[in-house]
Amino acid sequence: MARIKMDEIVEALDVNFERVLTAVVADVAPEVKIDPKMLMRVFRNRLERGFGHWESVPERCVDTGW
């Protein structure tokens, strides 16, 4: 098993996550208007509470050849 830092993964992909999460909310509840920055702040806070600093993932999920 490989290990990843969830908070750093989210930070590295912040713009992508914000765009995708905003689109998800728009698809699921189009009548709800959200602040994308607030959505990301809450998402990061929930991740910090829901995951350990390091999370184990299968080797197939990690490419270290870069």
C-alpha atoms as a PDB file:
ATOM      1  CA  MET A   1       0.000   0.000   0.000  1.00  0.00           C
ATOM      2  CA  ALA A   2       1.064   3.550  -0.700  1.00  0.00           C
ATOM      3  CA  ARG A   3       0.256   6.531   1.502  1.00  0.00           C
ATOM      4  CA  ILE A   4      -1.021   9.947   0.498  1.00  0.00           C
ATOM      5  CA  LYS A   5      -1.548  13.200   2.384  1.00  0.00           C
ATOM      6  CA  MET A   6      -5.210  14.021   1.853  1.00  0.00           C
ATOM      7  CA  ASP A   7      -4.895  17.699   2.760  1.00  0.00           C
ATOM      8  CA  GLU A   8      -2.024  18.196   0.334  1.00  0.00           C
ATOM      9  CA  ILE A   9      -3.869  16.337  -2.427  1.00  0.00           C
ATOM     10  CA  VAL A  10      -6.860  18.649  -2.029  1.00  0.00           C
ATOM     11  CA  GLU A  11      -4.607  21.706  -1.873  1.00  0.00           C
ATOM     12  CA  ALA A  12      -2.775  20.651  -5.048  1.00  0.00           C
ATOM     13  CA  LEU A  13      -6.082  20.109  -6.870  1.00  0.00           C
ATOM     14  CA  ASP A  14      -7.923  23.019  -5.211  1.00  0.00           C
ATOM     15  CA  VAL A  15      -9.081  24.749  -8.399  1.00  0.00           C
ATOM     16  CA  ASN A  16     -10.279  21.485  -9.931  1.00  0.00           C
ATOM     17  CA  PHE A  17     -12.120  20.432  -6.769  1.00  0.00           C
ATOM     18  CA  GLU A  18     -13.783  23.830  -6.479  1.00  0.00           C
ATOM     19  CA  ARG A  19     -15.000  23.698 -10.073  1.00  0.00           C
ATOM     20  CA  VAL A  20     -16.252  20.109  -9.786  1.00  0.00           C
ATOM     21  CA  LEU A  21     -17.954  20.560  -6.411  1.00  0.00           C
ATOM     22  CA  THR A  22     -19.681  23.720  -7.635  1.00  0.00           C
ATOM     23  CA  ALA A  23     -20.929  21.811 -10.697  1.00  0.00           C
ATOM     24  CA  VAL A  24     -22.159  18.949  -8.501  1.00  0.00           C
ATOM     25  CA  VAL A  25     -24.197  21.320  -6.333  1.00  0.00           C
ATOM     26  CA  ALA A  26     -25.611  22.974  -9.468  1.00  0.00           C
ATOM     27  CA  ASP A  27     -26.647  19.557 -10.839  1.00  0.00           C
ATOM     28  CA  VAL A  28     -28.127  18.244  -7.598  1.00  0.00           C
ATOM     29  CA  ALA A  29     -29.763  21.427  -6.360  1.00  0.00           C
ATOM     30  CA  PRO A  30     -29.834  24.013  -9.152  1.00  0.00           C
ATOM     31  CA  GLU A  31     -31.999  26.347  -7.063  1.00  0.00           C
ATOM     32  CA  VAL A  32     -29.286  26.644  -4.395  1.00  0.00           C
ATOM     33  CA  LYS A  33     -26.804  29.455  -4.821  1.00  0.00           C
ATOM     34  CA  ILE A  34     -23.452  28.802  -3.188  1.00  0.00           C
ATOM     35  CA  ASP A  35     -20.202  30.626  -2.698  1.00  0.00           C
ATOM     36  CA  PRO A  36     -17.539  28.379  -4.293  1.00  0.00           C
ATOM     37  CA  LYS A  37     -14.859  29.605  -1.862  1.00  0.00           C
ATOM     38  CA  MET A  38     -17.070  28.788   1.134  1.00  0.00           C
ATOM     39  CA  LEU A  39     -17.871  25.393  -0.369  1.00  0.00           C
ATOM     40  CA  MET A  40     -14.144  24.600  -0.616  1.00  0.00           C
ATOM     41  CA  ARG A  41     -13.490  25.838   2.920  1.00  0.00           C
ATOM     42  CA  VAL A  42     -16.206  23.548   4.307  1.00  0.00           C
ATOM     43  CA  PHE A  43     -15.006  20.662   2.100  1.00  0.00           C
ATOM     44  CA  ARG A  44     -11.426  21.022   3.401  1.00  0.00           C
ATOM     45  CA  ASN A  45     -12.646  21.201   7.016  1.00  0.00           C
ATOM     46  CA  ARG A  46     -14.729  18.048   6.588  1.00  0.00           C
ATOM     47  CA  LEU A  47     -11.797  16.244   4.969  1.00  0.00           C
ATOM     48  CA  GLU A  48      -9.569  17.143   7.903  1.00  0.00           C
ATOM     49  CA  ARG A  49     -12.102  15.624  10.294  1.00  0.00           C
ATOM     50  CA  GLY A  50     -12.945  12.640   8.103  1.00  0.00           C
ATOM     51  CA  PHE A  51      -9.469  11.440   7.177  1.00  0.00           C
ATOM     52  CA  GLY A  52      -6.173  10.918   8.892  1.00  0.00           C
ATOM     53  CA  HIS A  53      -3.218  13.047   7.881  1.00  0.00           C
ATOM     54  CA  TRP A  54      -1.909  10.069   5.940  1.00  0.00           C
ATOM     55  CA  GLU A  55      -4.282   7.680   4.153  1.00  0.00           C
ATOM     56  CA  SER A  56      -3.342   4.324   2.705  1.00  0.00           C
ATOM     57  CA  VAL A  57      -4.284   3.686  -0.921  1.00  0.00           C
ATOM     58  CA  PRO A  58      -3.588   0.747  -3.230  1.00  0.00           C
ATOM     59  CA  GLU A  59      -0.326   1.000  -5.188  1.00  0.00           C
ATOM     60  CA  ARG A  60      -2.333   1.085  -8.430  1.00  0.00           C
ATOM     61  CA  CYS A  61      -3.646   4.525  -7.394  1.00  0.00           C
ATOM     62  CA  VAL A  62      -0.181   6.090  -7.256  1.00  0.00           C
ATOM     63  CA  ASP A  63       2.254   6.766 -10.085  1.00  0.00           C
ATOM     64  CA  THR A  64       5.656   7.728  -8.745  1.00  0.00           C
ATOM     65  CA  GLY A  65       7.281   7.852 -12.181  1.00  0.00           C
ATOM     66  CA  TRP A  66       6.946  11.605 -12.528  1.00  0.00           C
END
